[in-house]
Every structure is written in C-alpha cells, then in structure tokens.
Amino acid sequence: MVARGGVGNPFLITQMDAWFRYGRRLPNPTVAQQIDWCMQLSDAVIKEKGEEVGVRKLRSIAPKFVAGCTRCKGNRRMLATVPTTRKELFDMLLEIKEGAGNETARSLGVGDAACVHEED
C-alpha cells in the first residue's frame, strides 16, 4: 500500500523513513513542491510515451498531486478532463501553483485534516 500512497506524494517515503529511523515527523510538502514533482514526472512520461498517450495517462496521475489543497476538487477535475497537450497540462499546473503554492499539501494521515471544502 505504500506504493499507492506514493502516487501523487513522492515525499511520503522520505517521511516514513524519517519516522522509522529517527522518530521524527517531517512536515508535508507545499503545493508548489508537489506541482514541481508532477511536472518532472510529466516530462518523463511524455518522453517515454509521446505527448498524446503520455498526457492521456497523466490525466489519471496528475490530479493526485493536488489532492489536499485549496479548491482541490475543482483542480483535480480539471486535470483529469481538460489537458490534451503538454502545454495545456503545464499551464494548468502553473495556475494551481500560483494560487496555492506555499500552502502545505494535506494528506489523510494520522493527525492531518482531510481536504474538506464547500465545493467538495
């Protein structure tokens, strides 16, 4: 289940390692960090699969990187349905990053608040 939890949260393994080695809980990454990781992954997927297939695949992966941030449901829906090119995908990610960049991404882990907004 760790692999599933790591989709959209590549920092999870680092957090788990710090907990089990040192008993320290590392803070969750910011939305800006999550977006940067998503963009790195996107470039790798598009390079491997080509733009058309890669972006289609990323429509199921990219929304997981913005779960737990402001307007998360709308952002996830947009990322899952709209982009057809790398440019569209990156424009959307940058727009999300500008809107919530320094906000800490929340997870559903112990002691964290779930993403609960009126639009959800």
PDB file of N, CA and C in Angstrom:
ATOM      1  N   MET A   1       0.806  -1.194   0.000  1.00  0.00           N
ATOM      2  CA  MET A   1       0.000   0.000   0.000  1.00  0.00           C
ATOM      3  C   MET A   1       0.855   1.266   0.000  1.00  0.00           C
ATOM      4  N   VAL A   2       2.107   1.142   0.330  1.00  0.00           N
ATOM      5  CA  VAL A   2       2.974   2.316   0.304  1.00  0.00           C
ATOM      6  C   VAL A   2       3.070   2.846  -1.119  1.00  0.00           C
ATOM      7  N   ALA A   3       3.157   1.960  -2.087  1.00  0.00           N
ATOM      8  CA  ALA A   3       3.266   2.395  -3.475  1.00  0.00           C
ATOM      9  C   ALA A   3       2.046   3.208  -3.888  1.00  0.00           C
ATOM     10  N   ARG A   4       0.871   2.780  -3.493  1.00  0.00           N
ATOM     11  CA  ARG A   4      -0.340   3.541  -3.810  1.00  0.00           C
ATOM     12  C   ARG A   4      -0.326   4.897  -3.140  1.00  0.00           C
ATOM     13  N   GLY A   5       0.120   4.957  -1.904  1.00  0.00           N
ATOM     14  CA  GLY A   5       0.185   6.222  -1.183  1.00  0.00           C
ATOM     15  C   GLY A   5       1.199   7.172  -1.778  1.00  0.00           C
ATOM     16  N   GLY A   6       2.221   6.632  -2.417  1.00  0.00           N
ATOM     17  CA  GLY A   6       3.266   7.452  -3.013  1.00  0.00           C
ATOM     18  C   GLY A   6       2.872   8.088  -4.326  1.00  0.00           C
ATOM     19  N   VAL A   7       1.805   7.597  -4.951  1.00  0.00           N
ATOM     20  CA  VAL A   7       1.339   8.201  -6.205  1.00  0.00           C
ATOM     21  C   VAL A   7       0.775   9.574  -5.863  1.00  0.00           C
ATOM     22  N   GLY A   8       1.377  10.595  -6.381  1.00  0.00           N
ATOM     23  CA  GLY A   8       0.955  11.950  -6.078  1.00  0.00           C
ATOM     24  C   GLY A   8       1.598  12.513  -4.826  1.00  0.00           C
ATOM     25  N   ASN A   9       2.368  11.701  -4.124  1.00  0.00           N
ATOM     26  CA  ASN A   9       3.057  12.168  -2.922  1.00  0.00           C
ATOM     27  C   ASN A   9       4.412  11.469  -2.820  1.00  0.00           C
ATOM     28  N   PRO A  10       5.342  11.814  -3.705  1.00  0.00           N
ATOM     29  CA  PRO A  10       6.638  11.137  -3.689  1.00  0.00           C
ATOM     30  C   PRO A  10       7.438  11.385  -2.412  1.00  0.00           C
ATOM     31  N   PHE A  11       7.063  12.379  -1.616  1.00  0.00           N
ATOM     32  CA  PHE A  11       7.758  12.683  -0.367  1.00  0.00           C
ATOM     33  C   PHE A  11       7.359  11.714   0.749  1.00  0.00           C
ATOM     34  N   LEU A  12       6.330  10.925   0.524  1.00  0.00           N
ATOM     35  CA  LEU A  12       5.828  10.002   1.541  1.00  0.00           C
ATOM     36  C   LEU A  12       6.917   9.042   2.021  1.00  0.00           C
ATOM     37  N   ILE A  13       7.709   8.494   1.133  1.00  0.00           N
ATOM     38  CA  ILE A  13       8.758   7.542   1.511  1.00  0.00           C
ATOM     39  C   ILE A  13       9.787   8.225   2.408  1.00  0.00           C
ATOM     40  N   THR A  14      10.160   9.461   2.071  1.00  0.00           N
ATOM     41  CA  THR A  14      11.105  10.211   2.903  1.00  0.00           C
ATOM     42  C   THR A  14      10.508  10.454   4.290  1.00  0.00           C
ATOM     43  N   GLN A  15       9.234  10.778   4.339  1.00  0.00           N
ATOM     44  CA  GLN A  15       8.565  10.997   5.621  1.00  0.00           C
ATOM     45  C   GLN A  15       8.546   9.713   6.456  1.00  0.00           C
ATOM     46  N   MET A  16       8.235   8.602   5.823  1.00  0.00           N
ATOM     47  CA  MET A  16       8.190   7.323   6.527  1.00  0.00           C
ATOM     48  C   MET A  16       9.581   6.935   7.034  1.00  0.00           C
ATOM     49  N   ASP A  17      10.585   7.150   6.205  1.00  0.00           N
ATOM     50  CA  ASP A  17      11.948   6.819   6.592  1.00  0.00           C
ATOM     51  C   ASP A  17      12.374   7.629   7.827  1.00  0.00           C
ATOM     52  N   ALA A  18      12.085   8.921   7.830  1.00  0.00           N
ATOM     53  CA  ALA A  18      12.428   9.770   8.977  1.00  0.00           C
ATOM     54  C   ALA A  18      11.690   9.319  10.230  1.00  0.00           C
ATOM     55  N   TRP A  19      10.448   8.881  10.061  1.00  0.00           N
ATOM     56  CA  TRP A  19       9.675   8.431  11.216  1.00  0.00           C
ATOM     57  C   TRP A  19      10.270   7.149  11.808  1.00  0.00           C
ATOM     58  N   PHE A  20      10.527   6.182  10.963  1.00  0.00           N
ATOM     59  CA  PHE A  20      11.010   4.898  11.468  1.00  0.00           C
ATOM     60  C   PHE A  20      12.472   4.935  11.914  1.00  0.00           C
ATOM     61  N   ARG A  21      13.288   5.759  11.302  1.00  0.00           N
ATOM     62  CA  ARG A  21      14.698   5.851  11.704  1.00  0.00           C
ATOM     63  C   ARG A  21      14.915   6.737  12.927  1.00  0.00           C
ATOM     64  N   TYR A  22      14.248   7.884  12.928  1.00  0.00           N
ATOM     65  CA  TYR A  22      14.566   8.899  13.931  1.00  0.00           C
ATOM     66  C   TYR A  22      13.383   9.289  14.825  1.00  0.00           C
ATOM     67  N   GLY A  23      12.196   8.754  14.529  1.00  0.00           N
ATOM     68  CA  GLY A  23      11.022   9.119  15.309  1.00  0.00           C
ATOM     69  C   GLY A  23      10.565  10.547  15.065  1.00  0.00           C
ATOM     70  N   ARG A  24      10.967  11.122  13.932  1.00  0.00           N
ATOM     71  CA  ARG A  24      10.598  12.499  13.583  1.00  0.00           C
ATOM     72  C   ARG A  24       9.531  12.496  12.511  1.00  0.00           C
ATOM     73  N   ARG A  25       8.574  13.365  12.674  1.00  0.00           N
ATOM     74  CA  ARG A  25       7.554  13.531  11.641  1.00  0.00           C
ATOM     75  C   ARG A  25       7.902  14.752  10.810  1.00  0.00           C
ATOM     76  N   LEU A  26       8.206  14.537   9.556  1.00  0.00           N
ATOM     77  CA  LEU A  26       8.530  15.644   8.658  1.00  0.00           C
ATOM     78  C   LEU A  26       7.241  16.316   8.202  1.00  0.00           C
ATOM     79  N   PRO A  27       7.275  17.614   8.001  1.00  0.00           N
ATOM     80  CA  PRO A  27       6.071  18.314   7.533  1.00  0.00           C
ATOM     81  C   PRO A  27       5.728  17.890   6.107  1.00  0.00           C
ATOM     82  N   ASN A  28       4.459  18.005   5.783  1.00  0.00           N
ATOM     83  CA  ASN A  28       4.028  17.715   4.417  1.00  0.00           C
ATOM     84  C   ASN A  28       4.624  18.746   3.464  1.00  0.00           C
ATOM     85  N   PRO A  29       4.841  18.375   2.211  1.00  0.00           N
ATOM     86  CA  PRO A  29       5.391  19.319   1.233  1.00  0.00           C
ATOM     87  C   PRO A  29       4.371  20.408   0.897  1.00  0.00           C
ATOM     88  N   THR A  30       4.851  21.464   0.288  1.00  0.00           N
ATOM     89  CA  THR A  30       3.948  22.521  -0.164  1.00  0.00           C
ATOM     90  C   THR A  30       3.335  22.102  -1.498  1.00  0.00           C
ATOM     91  N   VAL A  31       2.276  22.787  -1.860  1.00  0.00           N
ATOM     92  CA  VAL A  31       1.638  22.521  -3.151  1.00  0.00           C
ATOM     93  C   VAL A  31       2.637  22.809  -4.277  1.00  0.00           C
ATOM     94  N   ALA A  32       3.462  23.845  -4.114  1.00  0.00           N
ATOM     95  CA  ALA A  32       4.467  24.167  -5.136  1.00  0.00           C
ATOM     96  C   ALA A  32       5.431  23.005  -5.344  1.00  0.00           C
ATOM     97  N   GLN A  33       5.861  22.360  -4.254  1.00  0.00           N
ATOM     98  CA  GLN A  33       6.747  21.199  -4.384  1.00  0.00           C
ATOM     99  C   GLN A  33       6.025  20.060  -5.094  1.00  0.00           C
ATOM    100  N   GLN A  34       4.776  19.831  -4.725  1.00  0.00           N
ATOM    101  CA  GLN A  34       4.002  18.768  -5.365  1.00  0.00           C
ATOM    102  C   GLN A  34       3.879  19.026  -6.875  1.00  0.00           C
ATOM    103  N   ILE A  35       3.610  20.273  -7.246  1.00  0.00           N
ATOM    104  CA  ILE A  35       3.481  20.637  -8.665  1.00  0.00           C
ATOM    105  C   ILE A  35       4.813  20.423  -9.383  1.00  0.00           C
ATOM    106  N   ASP A  36       5.909  20.820  -8.759  1.00  0.00           N
ATOM    107  CA  ASP A  36       7.226  20.615  -9.380  1.00  0.00           C
ATOM    108  C   ASP A  36       7.481  19.131  -9.634  1.00  0.00           C
ATOM    109  N   TRP A  37       7.159  18.286  -8.648  1.00  0.00           N
ATOM    110  CA  TRP A  37       7.341  16.837  -8.824  1.00  0.00           C
ATOM    111  C   TRP A  37       6.434  16.307  -9.928  1.00  0.00           C
ATOM    112  N   CYS A  38       5.224  16.825  -9.997  1.00  0.00           N
ATOM    113  CA  CYS A  38       4.297  16.393 -11.049  1.00  0.00           C
ATOM    114  C   CYS A  38       4.827  16.777 -12.429  1.00  0.00           C
ATOM    115  N   MET A  39       5.400  17.957 -12.533  1.00  0.00           N
ATOM    116  CA  MET A  39       5.946  18.400 -13.822  1.00  0.00           C
ATOM    117  C   MET A  39       7.147  17.547 -14.231  1.00  0.00           C
ATOM    118  N   GLN A  40       7.988  17.175 -13.270  1.00  0.00           N
ATOM    119  CA  GLN A  40       9.129  16.301 -13.577  1.00  0.00           C
ATOM    120  C   GLN A  40       8.629  14.939 -14.068  1.00  0.00           C
ATOM    121  N   LEU A  41       7.662  14.389 -13.367  1.00  0.00           N
ATOM    122  CA  LEU A  41       7.096  13.105 -13.773  1.00  0.00           C
ATOM    123  C   LEU A  41       6.444  13.222 -15.145  1.00  0.00           C
ATOM    124  N   SER A  42       5.726  14.314 -15.373  1.00  0.00           N
ATOM    125  CA  SER A  42       5.045  14.524 -16.654  1.00  0.00           C
ATOM    126  C   SER A  42       6.022  14.521 -17.814  1.00  0.00           C
ATOM    127  N   ASP A  43       7.135  15.230 -17.653  1.00  0.00           N
ATOM    128  CA  ASP A  43       8.141  15.245 -18.723  1.00  0.00           C
ATOM    129  C   ASP A  43       8.687  13.847 -18.990  1.00  0.00           C
ATOM    130  N   ALA A  44       8.915  13.065 -17.939  1.00  0.00           N
ATOM    131  CA  ALA A  44       9.430  11.701 -18.122  1.00  0.00           C
ATOM    132  C   ALA A  44       8.404  10.808 -18.822  1.00  0.00           C
ATOM    133  N   VAL A  45       7.146  10.916 -18.438  1.00  0.00           N
ATOM    134  CA  VAL A  45       6.094  10.094 -19.063  1.00  0.00           C
ATOM    135  C   VAL A  45       5.916  10.487 -20.524  1.00  0.00           C
ATOM    136  N   ILE A  46       5.893  11.789 -20.800  1.00  0.00           N
ATOM    137  CA  ILE A  46       5.723  12.250 -22.185  1.00  0.00           C
ATOM    138  C   ILE A  46       6.916  11.845 -23.032  1.00  0.00           C
ATOM    139  N   LYS A  47       8.106  11.888 -22.478  1.00  0.00           N
ATOM    140  CA  LYS A  47       9.298  11.461 -23.222  1.00  0.00           C
ATOM    141  C   LYS A  47       9.207   9.978 -23.575  1.00  0.00           C
ATOM    142  N   GLU A  48       8.725   9.173 -22.628  1.00  0.00           N
ATOM    143  CA  GLU A  48       8.637   7.730 -22.859  1.00  0.00           C
ATOM    144  C   GLU A  48       7.477   7.338 -23.764  1.00  0.00           C
ATOM    145  N   LYS A  49       6.312   7.948 -23.570  1.00  0.00           N
ATOM    146  CA  LYS A  49       5.091   7.516 -24.262  1.00  0.00           C
ATOM    147  C   LYS A  49       4.703   8.382 -25.449  1.00  0.00           C
ATOM    148  N   GLY A  50       5.310   9.551 -25.570  1.00  0.00           N
ATOM    149  CA  GLY A  50       4.868  10.507 -26.579  1.00  0.00           C
ATOM    150  C   GLY A  50       3.809  11.414 -25.972  1.00  0.00           C
ATOM    151  N   GLU A  51       3.601  12.566 -26.598  1.00  0.00           N
ATOM    152  CA  GLU A  51       2.721  13.570 -25.987  1.00  0.00           C
ATOM    153  C   GLU A  51       1.267  13.109 -25.885  1.00  0.00           C
ATOM    154  N   GLU A  52       0.719  12.587 -26.950  1.00  0.00           N
ATOM    155  CA  GLU A  52      -0.713  12.221 -26.929  1.00  0.00           C
ATOM    156  C   GLU A  52      -1.013  11.155 -25.874  1.00  0.00           C
ATOM    157  N   VAL A  53      -0.289  10.045 -25.906  1.00  0.00           N
ATOM    158  CA  VAL A  53      -0.520   8.959 -24.955  1.00  0.00           C
ATOM    159  C   VAL A  53      -0.083   9.377 -23.554  1.00  0.00           C
ATOM    160  N   GLY A  54       1.042  10.070 -23.457  1.00  0.00           N
ATOM    161  CA  GLY A  54       1.561  10.493 -22.158  1.00  0.00           C
ATOM    162  C   GLY A  54       0.605  11.406 -21.419  1.00  0.00           C
ATOM    163  N   VAL A  55       0.067  12.406 -22.091  1.00  0.00           N
ATOM    164  CA  VAL A  55      -0.860  13.340 -21.444  1.00  0.00           C
ATOM    165  C   VAL A  55      -2.136  12.608 -21.049  1.00  0.00           C
ATOM    166  N   ARG A  56      -2.592  11.689 -21.887  1.00  0.00           N
ATOM    167  CA  ARG A  56      -3.793  10.903 -21.542  1.00  0.00           C
ATOM    168  C   ARG A  56      -3.549  10.097 -20.261  1.00  0.00           C
ATOM    169  N   LYS A  57      -2.370   9.498 -20.154  1.00  0.00           N
ATOM    170  CA  LYS A  57      -2.012   8.756 -18.936  1.00  0.00           C
ATOM    171  C   LYS A  57      -1.923   9.673 -17.723  1.00  0.00           C
ATOM    172  N   LEU A  58      -1.366  10.843 -17.925  1.00  0.00           N
ATOM    173  CA  LEU A  58      -1.188  11.798 -16.829  1.00  0.00           C
ATOM    174  C   LEU A  58      -2.508  12.357 -16.311  1.00  0.00           C
ATOM    175  N   ARG A  59      -3.553  12.260 -17.101  1.00  0.00           N
ATOM    176  CA  ARG A  59      -4.859  12.744 -16.642  1.00  0.00           C
ATOM    177  C   ARG A  59      -5.360  11.935 -15.446  1.00  0.00           C
ATOM    178  N   SER A  60      -4.865  10.729 -15.271  1.00  0.00           N
ATOM    179  CA  SER A  60      -5.257   9.940 -14.098  1.00  0.00           C
ATOM    180  C   SER A  60      -4.252  10.085 -12.949  1.00  0.00           C
ATOM    181  N   ILE A  61      -3.039  10.551 -13.254  1.00  0.00           N
ATOM    182  CA  ILE A  61      -1.998  10.655 -12.229  1.00  0.00           C
ATOM    183  C   ILE A  61      -1.892  12.077 -11.665  1.00  0.00           C
ATOM    184  N   ALA A  62      -1.883  13.083 -12.519  1.00  0.00           N
ATOM    185  CA  ALA A  62      -1.674  14.470 -12.088  1.00  0.00           C
ATOM    186  C   ALA A  62      -2.661  14.942 -11.011  1.00  0.00           C
ATOM    187  N   PRO A  63      -3.937  14.569 -11.067  1.00  0.00           N
ATOM    188  CA  PRO A  63      -4.853  15.030 -10.007  1.00  0.00           C
ATOM    189  C   PRO A  63      -4.443  14.595  -8.605  1.00  0.00           C
ATOM    190  N   LYS A  64      -3.740  13.501  -8.478  1.00  0.00           N
ATOM    191  CA  LYS A  64      -3.318  13.020  -7.163  1.00  0.00           C
ATOM    192  C   LYS A  64      -2.271  13.935  -6.523  1.00  0.00           C
ATOM    193  N   PHE A  65      -1.560  14.693  -7.342  1.00  0.00           N
ATOM    194  CA  PHE A  65      -0.543  15.604  -6.826  1.00  0.00           C
ATOM    195  C   PHE A  65      -1.147  16.852  -6.189  1.00  0.00           C
ATOM    196  N   VAL A  66      -2.383  17.186  -6.504  1.00  0.00           N
ATOM    197  CA  VAL A  66      -3.002  18.391  -5.947  1.00  0.00           C
ATOM    198  C   VAL A  66      -4.137  18.065  -4.977  1.00  0.00           C
ATOM    199  N   ALA A  67      -4.255  16.813  -4.582  1.00  0.00           N
ATOM    200  CA  ALA A  67      -5.245  16.461  -3.571  1.00  0.00           C
ATOM    201  C   ALA A  67      -4.836  17.093  -2.249  1.00  0.00           C
ATOM    202  N   GLY A  68      -5.776  17.668  -1.563  1.00  0.00           N
ATOM    203  CA  GLY A  68      -5.487  18.249  -0.258  1.00  0.00           C
ATOM    204  C   GLY A  68      -5.055  19.693  -0.294  1.00  0.00           C
ATOM    205  N   CYS A  69      -5.376  20.412  -1.351  1.00  0.00           N
ATOM    206  CA  CYS A  69      -5.056  21.832  -1.394  1.00  0.00           C
ATOM    207  C   CYS A  69      -6.333  22.626  -1.662  1.00  0.00           C
ATOM    208  N   THR A  70      -6.216  23.923  -1.599  1.00  0.00           N
ATOM    209  CA  THR A  70      -7.366  24.794  -1.817  1.00  0.00           C
ATOM    210  C   THR A  70      -8.006  24.504  -3.175  1.00  0.00           C
ATOM    211  N   ARG A  71      -9.318  24.453  -3.177  1.00  0.00           N
ATOM    212  CA  ARG A  71     -10.094  24.163  -4.397  1.00  0.00           C
ATOM    213  C   ARG A  71      -9.663  22.833  -5.013  1.00  0.00           C
ATOM    214  N   CYS A  72      -9.359  21.862  -4.155  1.00  0.00           N
ATOM    215  CA  CYS A  72      -8.783  20.608  -4.642  1.00  0.00           C
ATOM    216  C   CYS A  72      -9.721  19.852  -5.584  1.00  0.00           C
ATOM    217  N   LYS A  73     -10.994  19.824  -5.296  1.00  0.00           N
ATOM    218  CA  LYS A  73     -11.902  19.050  -6.149  1.00  0.00           C
ATOM    219  C   LYS A  73     -11.959  19.628  -7.563  1.00  0.00           C
ATOM    220  N   GLY A  74     -12.089  20.933  -7.667  1.00  0.00           N
ATOM    221  CA  GLY A  74     -12.131  21.565  -8.986  1.00  0.00           C
ATOM    222  C   GLY A  74     -10.829  21.394  -9.749  1.00  0.00           C
ATOM    223  N   ASN A  75      -9.717  21.525  -9.051  1.00  0.00           N
ATOM    224  CA  ASN A  75      -8.409  21.343  -9.699  1.00  0.00           C
ATOM    225  C   ASN A  75      -8.229  19.913 -10.177  1.00  0.00           C
ATOM    226  N   ARG A  76      -8.611  18.950  -9.345  1.00  0.00           N
ATOM    227  CA  ARG A  76      -8.480  17.541  -9.744  1.00  0.00           C
ATOM    228  C   ARG A  76      -9.363  17.242 -10.950  1.00  0.00           C
ATOM    229  N   ARG A  77     -10.578  17.749 -10.931  1.00  0.00           N
ATOM    230  CA  ARG A  77     -11.497  17.510 -12.049  1.00  0.00           C
ATOM    231  C   ARG A  77     -10.932  18.109 -13.339  1.00  0.00           C
ATOM    232  N   MET A  78     -10.403  19.317 -13.246  1.00  0.00           N
ATOM    233  CA  MET A  78      -9.837  19.988 -14.412  1.00  0.00           C
ATOM    234  C   MET A  78      -8.654  19.187 -14.972  1.00  0.00           C
ATOM    235  N   LEU A  79      -7.747  18.745 -14.102  1.00  0.00           N
ATOM    236  CA  LEU A  79      -6.579  17.990 -14.548  1.00  0.00           C
ATOM    237  C   LEU A  79      -6.960  16.634 -15.130  1.00  0.00           C
ATOM    238  N   ALA A  80      -8.064  16.067 -14.677  1.00  0.00           N
ATOM    239  CA  ALA A  80      -8.476  14.745 -15.142  1.00  0.00           C
ATOM    240  C   ALA A  80      -9.243  14.783 -16.458  1.00  0.00           C
ATOM    241  N   THR A  81      -9.735  15.960 -16.850  1.00  0.00           N
ATOM    242  CA  THR A  81     -10.600  16.000 -18.031  1.00  0.00           C
ATOM    243  C   THR A  81     -10.149  16.927 -19.155  1.00  0.00           C
ATOM    244  N   VAL A  82      -9.408  17.976 -18.836  1.00  0.00           N
ATOM    245  CA  VAL A  82      -9.147  19.026 -19.827  1.00  0.00           C
ATOM    246  C   VAL A  82      -7.892  18.839 -20.678  1.00  0.00           C
ATOM    247  N   PRO A  83      -6.713  18.599 -20.102  1.00  0.00           N
ATOM    248  CA  PRO A  83      -5.494  18.708 -20.910  1.00  0.00           C
ATOM    249  C   PRO A  83      -5.381  17.651 -22.020  1.00  0.00           C
ATOM    250  N   THR A  84      -4.951  18.124 -23.173  1.00  0.00           N
ATOM    251  CA  THR A  84      -4.679  17.213 -24.290  1.00  0.00           C
ATOM    252  C   THR A  84      -3.247  17.373 -24.793  1.00  0.00           C
ATOM    253  N   THR A  85      -2.567  18.422 -24.339  1.00  0.00           N
ATOM    254  CA  THR A  85      -1.178  18.651 -24.732  1.00  0.00           C
ATOM    255  C   THR A  85      -0.348  18.945 -23.476  1.00  0.00           C
ATOM    256  N   ARG A  86       0.956  18.832 -23.612  1.00  0.00           N
ATOM    257  CA  ARG A  86       1.859  19.147 -22.501  1.00  0.00           C
ATOM    258  C   ARG A  86       1.686  20.593 -22.077  1.00  0.00           C
ATOM    259  N   LYS A  87       1.546  21.487 -23.035  1.00  0.00           N
ATOM    260  CA  LYS A  87       1.390  22.911 -22.722  1.00  0.00           C
ATOM    261  C   LYS A  87       0.134  23.146 -21.893  1.00  0.00           C
ATOM    262  N   GLU A  88      -0.982  22.562 -22.286  1.00  0.00           N
ATOM    263  CA  GLU A  88      -2.220  22.728 -21.507  1.00  0.00           C
ATOM    264  C   GLU A  88      -2.048  22.192 -20.088  1.00  0.00           C
ATOM    265  N   LEU A  89      -1.438  21.023 -19.966  1.00  0.00           N
ATOM    266  CA  LEU A  89      -1.222  20.421 -18.653  1.00  0.00           C
ATOM    267  C   LEU A  89      -0.349  21.330 -17.784  1.00  0.00           C
ATOM    268  N   PHE A  90       0.775  21.793 -18.335  1.00  0.00           N
ATOM    269  CA  PHE A  90       1.692  22.630 -17.563  1.00  0.00           C
ATOM    270  C   PHE A  90       1.073  23.990 -17.233  1.00  0.00           C
ATOM    271  N   ASP A  91       0.283  24.553 -18.150  1.00  0.00           N
ATOM    272  CA  ASP A  91      -0.407  25.820 -17.858  1.00  0.00           C
ATOM    273  C   ASP A  91      -1.345  25.655 -16.675  1.00  0.00           C
ATOM    274  N   MET A  92      -2.073  24.541 -16.630  1.00  0.00           N
ATOM    275  CA  MET A  92      -2.991  24.276 -15.515  1.00  0.00           C
ATOM    276  C   MET A  92      -2.219  24.092 -14.213  1.00  0.00           C
ATOM    277  N   LEU A  93      -1.140  23.328 -14.274  1.00  0.00           N
ATOM    278  CA  LEU A  93      -0.336  23.103 -13.071  1.00  0.00           C
ATOM    279  C   LEU A  93       0.252  24.408 -12.541  1.00  0.00           C
ATOM    280  N   LEU A  94       0.726  25.253 -13.440  1.00  0.00           N
ATOM    281  CA  LEU A  94       1.298  26.540 -13.013  1.00  0.00           C
ATOM    282  C   LEU A  94       0.226  27.450 -12.425  1.00  0.00           C
ATOM    283  N   GLU A  95      -0.982  27.399 -12.965  1.00  0.00           N
ATOM    284  CA  GLU A  95      -2.088  28.189 -12.424  1.00  0.00           C
ATOM    285  C   GLU A  95      -2.418  27.739 -10.990  1.00  0.00           C
ATOM    286  N   ILE A  96      -2.435  26.427 -10.784  1.00  0.00           N
ATOM    287  CA  ILE A  96      -2.686  25.883  -9.441  1.00  0.00           C
ATOM    288  C   ILE A  96      -1.554  26.289  -8.504  1.00  0.00           C
ATOM    289  N   LYS A  97      -0.332  26.208  -9.005  1.00  0.00           N
ATOM    290  CA  LYS A  97       0.845  26.564  -8.190  1.00  0.00           C
ATOM    291  C   LYS A  97       0.790  28.032  -7.764  1.00  0.00           C
ATOM    292  N   GLU A  98       0.394  28.913  -8.664  1.00  0.00           N
ATOM    293  CA  GLU A  98       0.286  30.338  -8.331  1.00  0.00           C
ATOM    294  C   GLU A  98      -0.776  30.570  -7.266  1.00  0.00           C
ATOM    295  N   GLY A  99      -1.875  29.830  -7.354  1.00  0.00           N
ATOM    296  CA  GLY A  99      -2.980  30.025  -6.431  1.00  0.00           C
ATOM    297  C   GLY A  99      -2.743  29.461  -5.040  1.00  0.00           C
ATOM    298  N   ALA A 100      -1.966  28.385  -4.954  1.00  0.00           N
ATOM    299  CA  ALA A 100      -1.809  27.716  -3.651  1.00  0.00           C
ATOM    300  C   ALA A 100      -0.376  27.284  -3.393  1.00  0.00           C
ATOM    301  N   GLY A 101       0.574  27.896  -4.035  1.00  0.00           N
ATOM    302  CA  GLY A 101       1.966  27.468  -3.995  1.00  0.00           C
ATOM    303  C   GLY A 101       2.589  27.215  -2.646  1.00  0.00           C
ATOM    304  N   ASN A 102       2.428  28.138  -1.692  1.00  0.00           N
ATOM    305  CA  ASN A 102       3.070  27.978  -0.387  1.00  0.00           C
ATOM    306  C   ASN A 102       2.188  27.260   0.618  1.00  0.00           C
ATOM    307  N   GLU A 103       0.979  26.946   0.222  1.00  0.00           N
ATOM    308  CA  GLU A 103       0.075  26.193   1.090  1.00  0.00           C
ATOM    309  C   GLU A 103       0.642  24.791   1.285  1.00  0.00           C
ATOM    310  N   THR A 104       0.542  24.276   2.483  1.00  0.00           N
ATOM    311  CA  THR A 104       1.013  22.919   2.741  1.00  0.00           C
ATOM    312  C   THR A 104      -0.023  21.930   2.230  1.00  0.00           C
ATOM    313  N   ALA A 105       0.437  20.971   1.457  1.00  0.00           N
ATOM    314  CA  ALA A 105      -0.453  19.935   0.968  1.00  0.00           C
ATOM    315  C   ALA A 105      -0.856  19.065   2.146  1.00  0.00           C
ATOM    316  N   ARG A 106      -2.133  18.804   2.267  1.00  0.00           N
ATOM    317  CA  ARG A 106      -2.610  17.973   3.369  1.00  0.00           C
ATOM    318  C   ARG A 106      -2.828  16.559   2.884  1.00  0.00           C
ATOM    319  N   SER A 107      -2.603  15.610   3.763  1.00  0.00           N
ATOM    320  CA  SER A 107      -2.875  14.213   3.457  1.00  0.00           C
ATOM    321  C   SER A 107      -3.943  13.733   4.417  1.00  0.00           C
ATOM    322  N   LEU A 108      -4.349  12.506   4.271  1.00  0.00           N
ATOM    323  CA  LEU A 108      -5.353  11.944   5.169  1.00  0.00           C
ATOM    324  C   LEU A 108      -4.705  11.102   6.248  1.00  0.00           C
ATOM    325  N   GLY A 109      -3.436  11.363   6.510  1.00  0.00           N
ATOM    326  CA  GLY A 109      -2.717  10.598   7.520  1.00  0.00           C
ATOM    327  C   GLY A 109      -3.128  10.969   8.927  1.00  0.00           C
ATOM    328  N   VAL A 110      -2.605  10.259   9.883  1.00  0.00           N
ATOM    329  CA  VAL A 110      -2.910  10.493  11.289  1.00  0.00           C
ATOM    330  C   VAL A 110      -2.509  11.910  11.664  1.00  0.00           C
ATOM    331  N   GLY A 111      -3.417  12.623  12.283  1.00  0.00           N
ATOM    332  CA  GLY A 111      -3.134  13.971  12.742  1.00  0.00           C
ATOM    333  C   GLY A 111      -3.287  15.035  11.677  1.00  0.00           C
ATOM    334  N   ASP A 112      -3.635  14.674  10.461  1.00  0.00           N
ATOM    335  CA  ASP A 112      -3.822  15.653   9.406  1.00  0.00           C
ATOM    336  C   ASP A 112      -5.303  15.874   9.166  1.00  0.00           C
ATOM    337  N   ALA A 113      -5.644  17.049   8.742  1.00  0.00           N
ATOM    338  CA  ALA A 113      -7.027  17.355   8.397  1.00  0.00           C
ATOM    339  C   ALA A 113      -7.289  16.899   6.971  1.00  0.00           C
ATOM    340  N   ALA A 114      -8.430  16.327   6.760  1.00  0.00           N
ATOM    341  CA  ALA A 114      -8.825  15.925   5.415  1.00  0.00           C
ATOM    342  C   ALA A 114      -9.179  17.177   4.620  1.00  0.00           C
ATOM    343  N   CYS A 115      -9.128  17.069   3.321  1.00  0.00           N
ATOM    344  CA  CYS A 115      -9.478  18.190   2.450  1.00  0.00           C
ATOM    345  C   CYS A 115     -10.992  18.320   2.442  1.00  0.00           C
ATOM    346  N   VAL A 116     -11.503  19.295   3.149  1.00  0.00           N
ATOM    347  CA  VAL A 116     -12.939  19.488   3.219  1.00  0.00           C
ATOM    348  C   VAL A 116     -13.231  20.927   2.855  1.00  0.00           C
ATOM    349  N   HIS A 117     -13.865  21.119   1.713  1.00  0.00           N
ATOM    350  CA  HIS A 117     -14.249  22.442   1.249  1.00  0.00           C
ATOM    351  C   HIS A 117     -15.709  22.395   0.874  1.00  0.00           C
ATOM    352  N   GLU A 118     -16.347  23.543   0.821  1.00  0.00           N
ATOM    353  CA  GLU A 118     -17.752  23.585   0.467  1.00  0.00           C
ATOM    354  C   GLU A 118     -18.031  22.995  -0.899  1.00  0.00           C
ATOM    355  N   GLU A 119     -17.110  23.187  -1.852  1.00  0.00           N
ATOM    356  CA  GLU A 119     -17.375  22.692  -3.201  1.00  0.00           C
ATOM    357  C   GLU A 119     -17.172  21.189  -3.319  1.00  0.00           C
ATOM    358  N   ASP A 120     -16.563  20.556  -2.311  1.00  0.00           N
ATOM    359  CA  ASP A 120     -16.369  19.102  -2.343  1.00  0.00           C
ATOM    360  C   ASP A 120     -17.672  18.476  -2.140  1.00  0.00           C
TER     361      ASP A 120
END
